[in-house]
Amino acid sequence: MKYLLQLLLLLATGLACAETSVWEVTGKNQRLYIGGTIHVLSQRDYPLPDAYDRAYASSEHLVFETDLNQIKASGFLFRLRQSLIYEDGNSLKDTLQPATYRELERYCEQSGIPITMLLPLKPPLASLMLTVMELKKIGIDNTGVDQYFNLQAQRDGKKISQLETIEEQLQFLVNMAKGHEDEFILSTLEENRQLAELMQSMLSAWRTGDINLLEEQFIKPMQQNFPSVYEQLLVSRNHNWLPLIEQYLSTPEVEFILVGALHLVGNDGLIQQLENSGYRVKQW
């Protein structure tokens, strides 16, 4: 399920490949920067491309998808448990079709994962846990771009804001597999079997700003195979964020907005939407 990797990227037509996934957006009297992020990286992915540090140094105000400090708070973890762990006597086995559950059993046996640890988890959390475990196997378990700059902004005393609330992010996760639970699990298993190759491709495209590759490998499959997920995770959120970004273009401050890289890609991406609205967009 390539769209699950959106959580790590939970990710414009006509723009050529440049150095990095950072763009300068200019309005009549103001500018800001937008950077695409991956939420979990390996130690070898640091230092980040120079454009990120230059955009950070040029900005007074950092804007993230949501409040990264609240994600670690006990209140959020409690709400996550309430929403994504079975508490009614059911289990993941009860939710999945028998054939899907057998495939999950085979995967867990081959990967050395006790399936009992997944049974209390609803499909979105079970899929996410499986992917996180596979990422750790290939060394991708370090601070991502968002948390890196969040910590740096706190140390430097820069202003920090968010585009959406923690509750909104939680609901996106809760609803991600509704009506497609079996497809969600099966696609996750297929993706995890080739995760090292997928992540190598994703990281390379992200570092070089190759938005055409990101669109081809991650956006188009999501549009074709899971259009409702594409609308929910990307399109609707981009539409919600666009007016907020335009408001930032009217402030005296220079903002650095950091969102999952796939939010910047394709006809529905923020880069294309800003161009359509008449702003000048330059890839660094």
Protein backbone atom coordinates (compact mmCIF):
# COMPACT_ATOMS: atom_id res chain seq x y z
CA MET A 1 0.00 0.00 0.00
CA LYS A 2 2.09 2.87 -1.24
CA TYR A 3 -0.28 5.43 0.23
CA LEU A 4 0.65 4.20 3.72
CA LEU A 5 4.09 5.66 3.08
CA GLN A 6 2.35 9.04 2.95
CA LEU A 7 2.43 8.88 6.74
CA LEU A 8 6.21 8.99 6.46
CA LEU A 9 6.38 11.60 3.73
CA LEU A 10 1.22 10.64 8.14
CA LEU A 11 3.26 12.87 1.35
CA ALA A 12 3.41 19.78 -9.46
CA THR A 13 2.82 19.48 -12.77
CA GLY A 14 5.26 21.31 -15.04
CA LEU A 15 8.11 21.69 -12.55
CA ALA A 16 11.42 20.10 -13.40
CA CYS A 17 13.62 18.19 -11.01
CA ALA A 18 15.72 20.57 -8.94
CA GLU A 19 18.09 20.20 -6.00
CA THR A 20 15.68 19.61 -3.13
CA SER A 21 12.03 19.48 -2.10
CA VAL A 22 11.99 23.11 -0.96
CA TRP A 23 10.10 25.88 -2.75
CA GLU A 24 10.06 29.64 -2.39
CA VAL A 25 6.56 31.10 -2.79
CA THR A 26 6.24 34.82 -3.52
CA GLY A 27 3.17 37.03 -3.42
CA LYS A 28 2.83 40.75 -4.05
CA ASN A 29 4.72 41.89 -0.99
CA GLN A 30 5.78 38.78 0.87
CA ARG A 31 7.40 35.37 0.52
CA LEU A 32 7.49 32.09 2.38
CA TYR A 33 9.11 28.70 1.98
CA ILE A 34 7.48 25.28 1.73
CA GLY A 35 9.47 22.11 2.35
CA GLY A 36 8.40 18.54 1.77
CA THR A 37 9.13 16.22 4.68
CA ILE A 38 9.57 12.57 5.52
CA HIS A 39 8.48 11.86 9.07
CA VAL A 40 11.08 9.17 9.85
CA LEU A 41 14.65 9.07 8.56
CA SER A 42 17.82 7.08 9.14
CA GLN A 43 20.97 8.52 10.65
CA ARG A 44 22.63 8.39 7.25
CA ASP A 45 20.02 10.83 5.84
CA TYR A 46 21.63 13.64 7.85
CA PRO A 47 22.73 16.30 7.24
CA LEU A 48 19.62 17.39 5.36
CA PRO A 49 19.93 19.07 1.96
CA ASP A 50 21.32 22.59 2.31
CA ALA A 51 18.13 24.27 1.05
CA TYR A 52 16.31 23.23 4.24
CA ASP A 53 18.85 24.97 6.45
CA ARG A 54 18.82 28.06 4.23
CA ALA A 55 15.02 28.27 4.33
CA TYR A 56 15.07 27.80 8.10
CA ALA A 57 17.69 30.52 8.55
CA SER A 58 15.64 32.91 6.38
CA SER A 59 12.42 32.34 8.35
CA GLU A 60 11.08 33.69 11.63
CA HIS A 61 8.06 31.39 11.84
CA LEU A 62 7.84 27.58 11.46
CA VAL A 63 4.53 26.00 10.45
CA PHE A 64 3.96 22.23 10.75
CA GLU A 65 1.03 19.96 9.89
CA THR A 66 0.11 19.64 13.56
CA ASP A 67 1.44 20.15 17.09
CA LEU A 68 4.34 17.71 17.29
CA ASN A 69 4.71 18.13 21.03
CA GLN A 70 1.11 17.06 21.65
CA ILE A 71 1.66 13.84 19.70
CA LYS A 72 3.98 12.66 22.46
CA ALA A 73 1.63 13.74 25.25
CA SER A 74 -0.23 11.12 27.27
CA GLY A 75 -3.62 12.60 26.36
CA PHE A 76 -3.09 11.95 22.66
CA LEU A 77 -1.85 8.42 23.29
CA PHE A 78 -4.97 7.76 25.36
CA ARG A 79 -7.24 8.99 22.54
CA LEU A 80 -5.26 6.92 20.04
CA ARG A 81 -5.81 3.84 22.17
CA GLN A 82 -9.53 4.55 22.48
CA SER A 83 -9.89 4.97 18.72
CA LEU A 84 -7.61 2.26 17.31
CA ILE A 85 -7.56 -0.57 19.86
CA TYR A 86 -10.49 -2.99 20.21
CA GLU A 87 -12.18 -2.66 23.57
CA ASP A 88 -15.44 -4.50 22.80
CA GLY A 89 -14.21 -8.08 22.82
CA ASN A 90 -13.47 -8.12 19.08
CA SER A 91 -10.05 -8.43 17.50
CA LEU A 92 -8.27 -7.91 14.22
CA LYS A 93 -9.06 -11.54 13.36
CA ASP A 94 -12.79 -10.81 13.63
CA THR A 95 -12.50 -7.83 11.27
CA LEU A 96 -10.58 -9.53 8.47
CA GLN A 97 -11.73 -12.14 5.99
CA PRO A 98 -10.27 -15.62 6.74
CA ALA A 99 -8.01 -15.53 3.67
CA THR A 100 -6.63 -12.13 4.63
CA TYR A 101 -5.98 -13.28 8.18
CA ARG A 102 -4.16 -16.39 6.93
CA GLU A 103 -1.92 -14.21 4.77
CA LEU A 104 -1.22 -12.00 7.78
CA GLU A 105 -0.33 -15.11 9.82
CA ARG A 106 2.12 -16.24 7.11
CA TYR A 107 3.71 -12.80 6.97
CA CYS A 108 4.13 -12.63 10.76
CA GLU A 109 5.61 -16.13 10.88
CA GLN A 110 8.13 -15.28 8.14
CA SER A 111 9.02 -11.99 9.85
CA GLY A 112 9.27 -13.40 13.36
CA ILE A 113 6.42 -11.22 14.65
CA PRO A 114 4.01 -12.70 17.23
CA ILE A 115 0.60 -12.20 15.67
CA THR A 116 -0.90 -11.97 19.14
CA MET A 117 0.57 -8.48 19.50
CA LEU A 118 -1.50 -7.33 16.50
CA LEU A 119 -4.84 -8.84 17.46
CA PRO A 120 -5.95 -5.96 19.74
CA LEU A 121 -5.16 -3.38 17.03
CA LYS A 122 -7.57 -2.08 14.41
CA PRO A 123 -6.30 -2.26 10.80
CA PRO A 124 -4.76 1.26 10.54
CA LEU A 125 -2.69 0.83 13.70
CA ALA A 126 -1.78 -2.78 12.90
CA SER A 127 -0.56 -1.73 9.44
CA LEU A 128 1.37 1.20 10.82
CA MET A 129 3.04 -0.97 13.48
CA LEU A 130 4.07 -3.56 10.88
CA THR A 131 5.58 -0.86 8.68
CA VAL A 132 7.43 0.78 11.57
CA MET A 133 8.95 -2.59 12.52
CA GLU A 134 10.09 -3.17 8.94
CA LEU A 135 11.57 0.33 8.77
CA LYS A 136 13.58 -0.33 11.92
CA LYS A 137 15.03 -3.43 10.28
CA ILE A 138 16.50 -1.26 7.50
CA GLY A 139 17.73 1.42 9.91
CA ILE A 140 14.99 4.00 9.39
CA ASP A 141 14.06 4.88 12.95
CA ASN A 142 15.59 8.32 13.47
CA THR A 143 14.16 11.80 13.82
CA GLY A 144 12.31 12.97 10.70
CA VAL A 145 12.42 16.39 9.07
CA ASP A 146 9.45 17.75 11.01
CA GLN A 147 10.70 16.85 14.48
CA TYR A 148 14.24 17.95 13.60
CA PHE A 149 13.12 21.50 12.81
CA ASN A 150 10.52 21.55 15.57
CA LEU A 151 13.26 20.95 18.14
CA GLN A 152 15.56 23.45 16.46
CA ALA A 153 12.85 26.13 16.37
CA GLN A 154 12.16 25.61 20.08
CA ARG A 155 15.85 25.99 20.89
CA ASP A 156 16.12 29.14 18.76
CA GLY A 157 12.91 30.67 20.12
CA LYS A 158 11.19 30.88 16.74
CA LYS A 159 7.42 31.11 16.47
CA ILE A 160 5.70 27.76 15.81
CA SER A 161 2.20 27.16 14.39
CA GLN A 162 0.17 24.31 12.90
CA LEU A 163 -2.14 23.77 9.92
CA GLU A 164 -4.49 21.35 11.68
CA THR A 165 -5.24 19.98 15.13
CA ILE A 166 -4.13 16.73 16.70
CA GLU A 167 -7.77 15.60 16.75
CA GLU A 168 -8.01 16.11 12.97
CA GLN A 169 -4.88 14.04 12.38
CA LEU A 170 -6.22 11.30 14.61
CA GLN A 171 -9.48 11.14 12.65
CA PHE A 172 -7.61 10.84 9.36
CA LEU A 173 -5.78 7.83 10.78
CA VAL A 174 -8.91 6.28 12.29
CA ASN A 175 -10.90 6.53 9.05
CA MET A 176 -8.09 5.55 6.69
CA ALA A 177 -9.09 1.91 6.23
CA LYS A 178 -12.85 2.07 6.73
CA GLY A 179 -14.58 -0.09 4.18
CA HIS A 180 -11.24 -1.37 2.83
CA GLU A 181 -9.82 -3.24 5.82
CA ASP A 182 -8.74 -6.35 3.92
CA GLU A 183 -7.23 -4.42 1.02
CA PHE A 184 -5.43 -2.22 3.52
CA ILE A 185 -3.78 -5.11 5.33
CA LEU A 186 -2.92 -7.06 2.16
CA SER A 187 -1.42 -4.00 0.49
CA THR A 188 0.64 -3.28 3.60
CA LEU A 189 2.05 -6.80 3.55
CA GLU A 190 2.91 -6.53 -0.16
CA GLU A 191 4.53 -3.13 0.36
CA ASN A 192 6.55 -4.26 3.37
CA ARG A 193 8.06 -7.10 1.38
CA GLN A 194 9.66 -4.51 -0.90
CA LEU A 195 9.97 -1.71 1.64
CA ALA A 196 13.73 -1.25 1.38
CA GLU A 197 13.48 -0.64 -2.37
CA LEU A 198 10.45 1.64 -2.01
CA MET A 199 12.09 3.73 0.69
CA GLN A 200 15.30 4.06 -1.30
CA SER A 201 13.29 5.36 -4.26
CA MET A 202 11.24 7.70 -2.07
CA LEU A 203 14.24 9.13 -0.24
CA SER A 204 16.14 9.69 -3.48
CA ALA A 205 13.18 11.50 -5.08
CA TRP A 206 12.64 13.58 -1.95
CA ARG A 207 16.29 14.65 -1.62
CA THR A 208 16.53 15.68 -5.28
CA GLY A 209 13.08 17.24 -5.53
CA ASP A 210 12.03 14.76 -8.22
CA ILE A 211 8.31 15.43 -8.00
CA ASN A 212 7.61 13.54 -11.22
CA LEU A 213 8.93 10.32 -9.67
CA LEU A 214 6.97 10.89 -6.46
CA GLU A 215 3.81 11.42 -8.48
CA GLU A 216 4.37 8.37 -10.67
CA GLN A 217 5.25 5.94 -7.89
CA PHE A 218 3.06 7.15 -5.02
CA ILE A 219 0.32 9.56 -6.13
CA LYS A 220 -1.01 7.79 -9.23
CA PRO A 221 -1.34 4.35 -7.61
CA MET A 222 -3.22 5.93 -4.72
CA GLN A 223 -5.57 7.74 -7.11
CA GLN A 224 -6.27 4.59 -9.09
CA ASN A 225 -6.53 2.00 -6.31
CA PHE A 226 -7.81 3.98 -3.31
CA PRO A 227 -9.44 7.19 -4.57
CA SER A 228 -11.34 7.79 -1.32
CA VAL A 229 -8.11 7.63 0.68
CA TYR A 230 -6.47 9.99 -1.80
CA GLU A 231 -9.32 12.47 -1.38
CA GLN A 232 -9.29 12.21 2.39
CA LEU A 233 -5.56 12.21 3.12
CA LEU A 234 -4.34 14.59 0.44
CA VAL A 235 -6.93 16.53 -1.54
CA SER A 236 -9.24 17.65 1.26
CA ARG A 237 -6.37 18.55 3.56
CA ASN A 238 -4.61 20.51 0.83
CA HIS A 239 -7.81 22.46 0.22
CA ASN A 240 -8.10 23.17 3.93
CA TRP A 241 -4.50 24.32 4.15
CA LEU A 242 -4.39 26.54 1.08
CA PRO A 243 -6.30 29.51 2.61
CA LEU A 244 -4.07 29.34 5.70
CA ILE A 245 -0.95 29.40 3.56
CA GLU A 246 -2.32 32.38 1.64
CA GLN A 247 -2.89 34.17 4.95
CA TYR A 248 0.77 33.63 5.82
CA LEU A 249 1.68 35.33 2.54
CA SER A 250 0.08 38.52 3.87
CA THR A 251 2.08 38.68 7.12
CA PRO A 252 5.29 40.67 7.66
CA GLU A 253 7.07 37.50 8.79
CA VAL A 254 8.75 34.92 6.57
CA GLU A 255 7.35 31.45 7.25
CA PHE A 256 8.84 28.03 6.60
CA ILE A 257 5.97 25.55 6.13
CA LEU A 258 6.85 21.86 6.47
CA VAL A 259 4.37 19.20 5.31
CA GLY A 260 4.57 15.64 4.04
CA ALA A 261 6.22 15.62 0.63
CA LEU A 262 3.26 14.10 -1.20
CA HIS A 263 1.15 17.13 -0.28
CA LEU A 264 3.27 19.11 -2.74
CA VAL A 265 2.97 16.75 -5.70
CA GLY A 266 0.60 16.55 -8.67
CA ASN A 267 -2.33 18.62 -9.90
CA ASP A 268 -3.97 18.57 -6.46
CA GLY A 269 -0.70 19.36 -4.68
CA LEU A 270 -0.06 22.61 -2.86
CA ILE A 271 2.61 23.75 -5.32
CA GLN A 272 0.26 23.53 -8.29
CA GLN A 273 -2.60 25.06 -6.29
CA LEU A 274 -0.45 28.05 -5.31
CA GLU A 275 0.60 28.52 -8.94
CA ASN A 276 -3.04 28.34 -10.00
CA SER A 277 -3.80 31.08 -7.47
CA GLY A 278 -1.27 33.38 -9.11
CA TYR A 279 1.70 33.06 -6.77
CA ARG A 280 5.24 32.78 -8.06
CA VAL A 281 6.75 29.43 -7.09
CA LYS A 282 10.45 28.61 -7.44
CA GLN A 283 12.00 25.27 -6.59
CA TRP A 284 15.34 25.60 -4.83
